[in-house]
Amino acid sequence: MSIKHGLLALLAPGPKYGYQLKAEFEATTGSAWPLNIGQVYSTLQRLEKGGQIEADGVPDDDGRVVYALTPAGREELAGWFRSPIAQESRPRDELAIKLAMAVSTPGVEAGEVVQAQRRQAMSSLQSLTRVKASVPDEDLARVMVVDSLIFAVEAEVSWLDRCEARLRKARTAKTPEKEAVQ
């Protein structure tokens, strides 16, 4: 997800100012993606230059500028909601790259890398489960984000299981027969 589309979605119900958008973005995503206010304002400037939002009047007494969606912004947002997100368009998987490097770097025990990651995943899973228990079912946006994070961690643990099995199989294949008997 781009910050751009998240901000457009938050502007759909009505005009808002930058800090309000930051707070609503984090509340909606369960703080899974914290934003700094500089990102918010730089994105708002790009959206305004692109004609997707417009400043709504002059700054208030606190210097806050309120932004609103334009028809071009509503069209961009509708297109984003209609478009599925391809797996290939997601950022690189640093863990997969790390394990690939571990199995091909002399002196590195890939199994230890897998175990360290498993401990981290289990800790994350416990934290997320506690968070989920604290979110009311009526907060559908946060429940869906936390569910997504839990499923991602569970998938990572399953993948780590598969990695361990492959490492064991590779070790067995490299072990000479008489050593395997001992």
Protein backbone atom coordinates (compact mmCIF):
# COMPACT_ATOMS: atom_id res chain seq x y z
CA MET A 1 0.00 0.00 0.00
CA SER A 2 1.22 3.44 -0.71
CA ILE A 3 0.79 6.26 1.76
CA LYS A 4 -0.75 8.20 -1.10
CA HIS A 5 -3.70 5.85 -1.42
CA GLY A 6 -4.13 5.56 2.33
CA LEU A 7 -4.41 9.34 2.62
CA LEU A 8 -6.84 9.52 -0.30
CA ALA A 9 -9.01 6.89 1.41
CA LEU A 10 -9.00 8.86 4.66
CA LEU A 11 -10.03 12.01 2.79
CA ALA A 12 -12.97 10.27 1.10
CA PRO A 13 -15.44 10.94 3.95
CA GLY A 14 -14.48 14.62 4.12
CA PRO A 15 -11.71 17.25 4.41
CA LYS A 16 -8.97 16.81 7.02
CA TYR A 17 -5.62 18.39 7.96
CA GLY A 18 -2.24 16.67 8.03
CA TYR A 19 -1.92 15.65 11.65
CA GLN A 20 -5.50 14.39 11.65
CA LEU A 21 -4.66 12.19 8.65
CA LYS A 22 -1.56 10.82 10.40
CA ALA A 23 -3.56 9.93 13.53
CA GLU A 24 -6.40 8.33 11.55
CA PHE A 25 -3.97 6.36 9.35
CA GLU A 26 -2.27 4.86 12.40
CA ALA A 27 -5.56 4.19 14.19
CA THR A 28 -7.03 2.50 11.13
CA THR A 29 -3.98 0.28 10.58
CA GLY A 30 -3.55 -0.51 14.27
CA SER A 31 -0.20 1.33 14.18
CA ALA A 32 1.14 -1.46 11.95
CA TRP A 33 2.59 1.28 9.74
CA PRO A 34 3.56 4.32 11.79
CA LEU A 35 3.94 7.50 9.74
CA ASN A 36 6.03 10.50 10.49
CA ILE A 37 4.33 13.79 9.92
CA GLY A 38 6.93 14.78 7.31
CA GLN A 39 5.83 11.83 5.13
CA VAL A 40 2.25 12.95 5.44
CA TYR A 41 2.91 16.54 4.41
CA SER A 42 5.26 15.63 1.56
CA THR A 43 2.65 13.19 0.24
CA LEU A 44 -0.07 15.84 0.56
CA GLN A 45 2.08 18.26 -1.46
CA ARG A 46 2.54 15.66 -4.22
CA LEU A 47 -1.18 14.89 -4.25
CA GLU A 48 -2.00 18.60 -4.47
CA LYS A 49 0.49 19.10 -7.33
CA GLY A 50 -1.05 16.08 -9.07
CA GLY A 51 -4.51 17.58 -8.76
CA GLN A 52 -5.84 14.74 -6.59
CA ILE A 53 -6.48 16.94 -3.55
CA GLU A 54 -6.87 20.63 -2.93
CA ALA A 55 -6.35 22.88 0.04
CA ASP A 56 -9.71 23.90 1.37
CA GLY A 57 -9.42 27.61 2.19
CA VAL A 58 -6.79 29.43 4.25
CA PRO A 59 -4.98 28.00 7.29
CA ASP A 60 -6.93 28.16 10.55
CA ASP A 61 -5.69 30.02 13.66
CA ASP A 62 -3.40 27.09 14.48
CA GLY A 63 -1.89 27.19 10.97
CA ARG A 64 -3.59 23.96 9.88
CA VAL A 65 -4.52 23.59 6.24
CA VAL A 66 -7.48 21.36 5.49
CA TYR A 67 -7.33 19.20 2.36
CA ALA A 68 -10.17 17.71 0.32
CA LEU A 69 -10.38 15.14 -2.48
CA THR A 70 -10.87 16.41 -6.01
CA PRO A 71 -12.74 14.40 -8.67
CA ALA A 72 -9.32 13.22 -9.94
CA GLY A 73 -8.49 12.05 -6.41
CA ARG A 74 -11.79 10.15 -6.14
CA GLU A 75 -11.06 8.51 -9.52
CA GLU A 76 -7.52 7.53 -8.38
CA LEU A 77 -8.90 6.09 -5.14
CA ALA A 78 -11.62 4.12 -6.92
CA GLY A 79 -9.01 2.69 -9.32
CA TRP A 80 -6.81 1.66 -6.39
CA PHE A 81 -9.67 -0.15 -4.67
CA ARG A 82 -10.55 -1.97 -7.92
CA SER A 83 -6.95 -3.13 -8.54
CA PRO A 84 -5.68 -6.26 -6.79
CA ILE A 85 -2.17 -6.16 -5.37
CA ALA A 86 0.17 -8.57 -7.14
CA GLN A 87 2.51 -10.61 -4.97
CA GLU A 88 5.39 -9.61 -7.28
CA SER A 89 4.83 -5.92 -6.62
CA ARG A 90 5.47 -6.22 -2.90
CA PRO A 91 8.83 -5.23 -1.46
CA ARG A 92 11.66 -7.76 -1.42
CA ASP A 93 11.52 -10.42 1.26
CA GLU A 94 14.59 -9.69 3.38
CA LEU A 95 14.24 -12.94 5.34
CA ALA A 96 14.23 -15.10 2.19
CA ILE A 97 17.31 -13.25 0.95
CA LYS A 98 19.00 -13.63 4.35
CA LEU A 99 18.40 -17.42 4.39
CA ALA A 100 19.58 -17.75 0.80
CA MET A 101 22.78 -15.98 1.81
CA ALA A 102 23.11 -18.13 4.95
CA VAL A 103 23.03 -21.42 3.01
CA SER A 104 25.58 -20.19 0.50
CA THR A 105 28.02 -18.47 2.89
CA PRO A 106 30.78 -20.71 4.30
CA GLY A 107 30.88 -20.84 8.09
CA VAL A 108 27.25 -19.84 8.58
CA GLU A 109 24.90 -22.39 10.18
CA ALA A 110 21.64 -21.78 8.35
CA GLY A 111 19.73 -23.83 10.93
CA GLU A 112 20.70 -21.33 13.63
CA VAL A 113 19.47 -18.48 11.45
CA VAL A 114 16.15 -20.31 11.05
CA GLN A 115 15.88 -20.90 14.82
CA ALA A 116 16.61 -17.25 15.65
CA GLN A 117 13.91 -16.21 13.22
CA ARG A 118 11.47 -18.75 14.66
CA ARG A 119 11.98 -17.32 18.18
CA GLN A 120 11.29 -13.83 16.84
CA ALA A 121 8.19 -15.03 14.96
CA MET A 122 6.79 -16.77 18.04
CA SER A 123 7.36 -13.65 20.14
CA SER A 124 5.58 -11.55 17.50
CA LEU A 125 2.72 -14.03 17.36
CA GLN A 126 2.24 -13.81 21.13
CA SER A 127 2.26 -10.00 21.02
CA LEU A 128 -0.20 -9.89 18.14
CA THR A 129 -2.51 -12.34 19.88
CA ARG A 130 -2.56 -10.06 22.94
CA VAL A 131 -3.29 -7.05 20.71
CA LYS A 132 -6.11 -8.90 18.99
CA ALA A 133 -7.68 -9.76 22.35
CA SER A 134 -7.74 -6.05 23.23
CA VAL A 135 -9.40 -4.88 19.98
CA PRO A 136 -13.19 -4.88 20.04
CA ASP A 137 -14.84 -6.83 17.21
CA GLU A 138 -16.66 -3.64 16.18
CA ASP A 139 -13.31 -2.06 15.22
CA LEU A 140 -13.37 -3.96 11.95
CA ALA A 141 -10.42 -2.12 10.35
CA ARG A 142 -8.04 -2.87 13.21
CA VAL A 143 -9.26 -6.47 13.57
CA MET A 144 -8.59 -7.07 9.88
CA VAL A 145 -5.09 -5.56 10.09
CA VAL A 146 -4.19 -7.60 13.18
CA ASP A 147 -5.60 -10.77 11.55
CA SER A 148 -3.44 -10.08 8.49
CA LEU A 149 -0.33 -9.69 10.64
CA ILE A 150 -1.11 -12.90 12.55
CA PHE A 151 -1.64 -14.87 9.33
CA ALA A 152 1.62 -13.50 7.93
CA VAL A 153 3.55 -14.64 11.02
CA GLU A 154 1.86 -18.05 10.92
CA ALA A 155 2.81 -18.38 7.26
CA GLU A 156 6.39 -17.42 8.12
CA VAL A 157 6.53 -20.14 10.80
CA SER A 158 5.24 -22.72 8.28
CA TRP A 159 7.84 -21.59 5.78
CA LEU A 160 10.56 -21.86 8.45
CA ASP A 161 9.39 -25.46 9.11
CA ARG A 162 9.85 -26.19 5.42
CA CYS A 163 13.27 -24.54 5.42
CA GLU A 164 14.37 -26.72 8.35
CA ALA A 165 13.16 -29.86 6.55
CA ARG A 166 15.09 -28.87 3.43
CA LEU A 167 18.23 -28.18 5.47
CA ARG A 168 17.97 -31.63 7.15
CA LYS A 169 17.47 -33.30 3.78
CA ALA A 170 20.45 -31.46 2.31
CA ARG A 171 22.64 -32.43 5.29
CA THR A 172 21.59 -36.08 4.98
CA ALA A 173 22.36 -36.08 1.26
CA LYS A 174 25.86 -34.70 1.90
CA THR A 175 26.65 -37.07 4.79
CA PRO A 176 28.63 -40.13 3.68
CA GLU A 177 26.79 -43.38 4.35
CA LYS A 178 29.10 -44.64 7.11
CA GLU A 179 28.82 -41.34 9.02
CA ALA A 180 25.04 -41.46 8.78
CA VAL A 181 25.04 -44.91 10.45
CA GLN A 182 26.92 -43.65 13.53
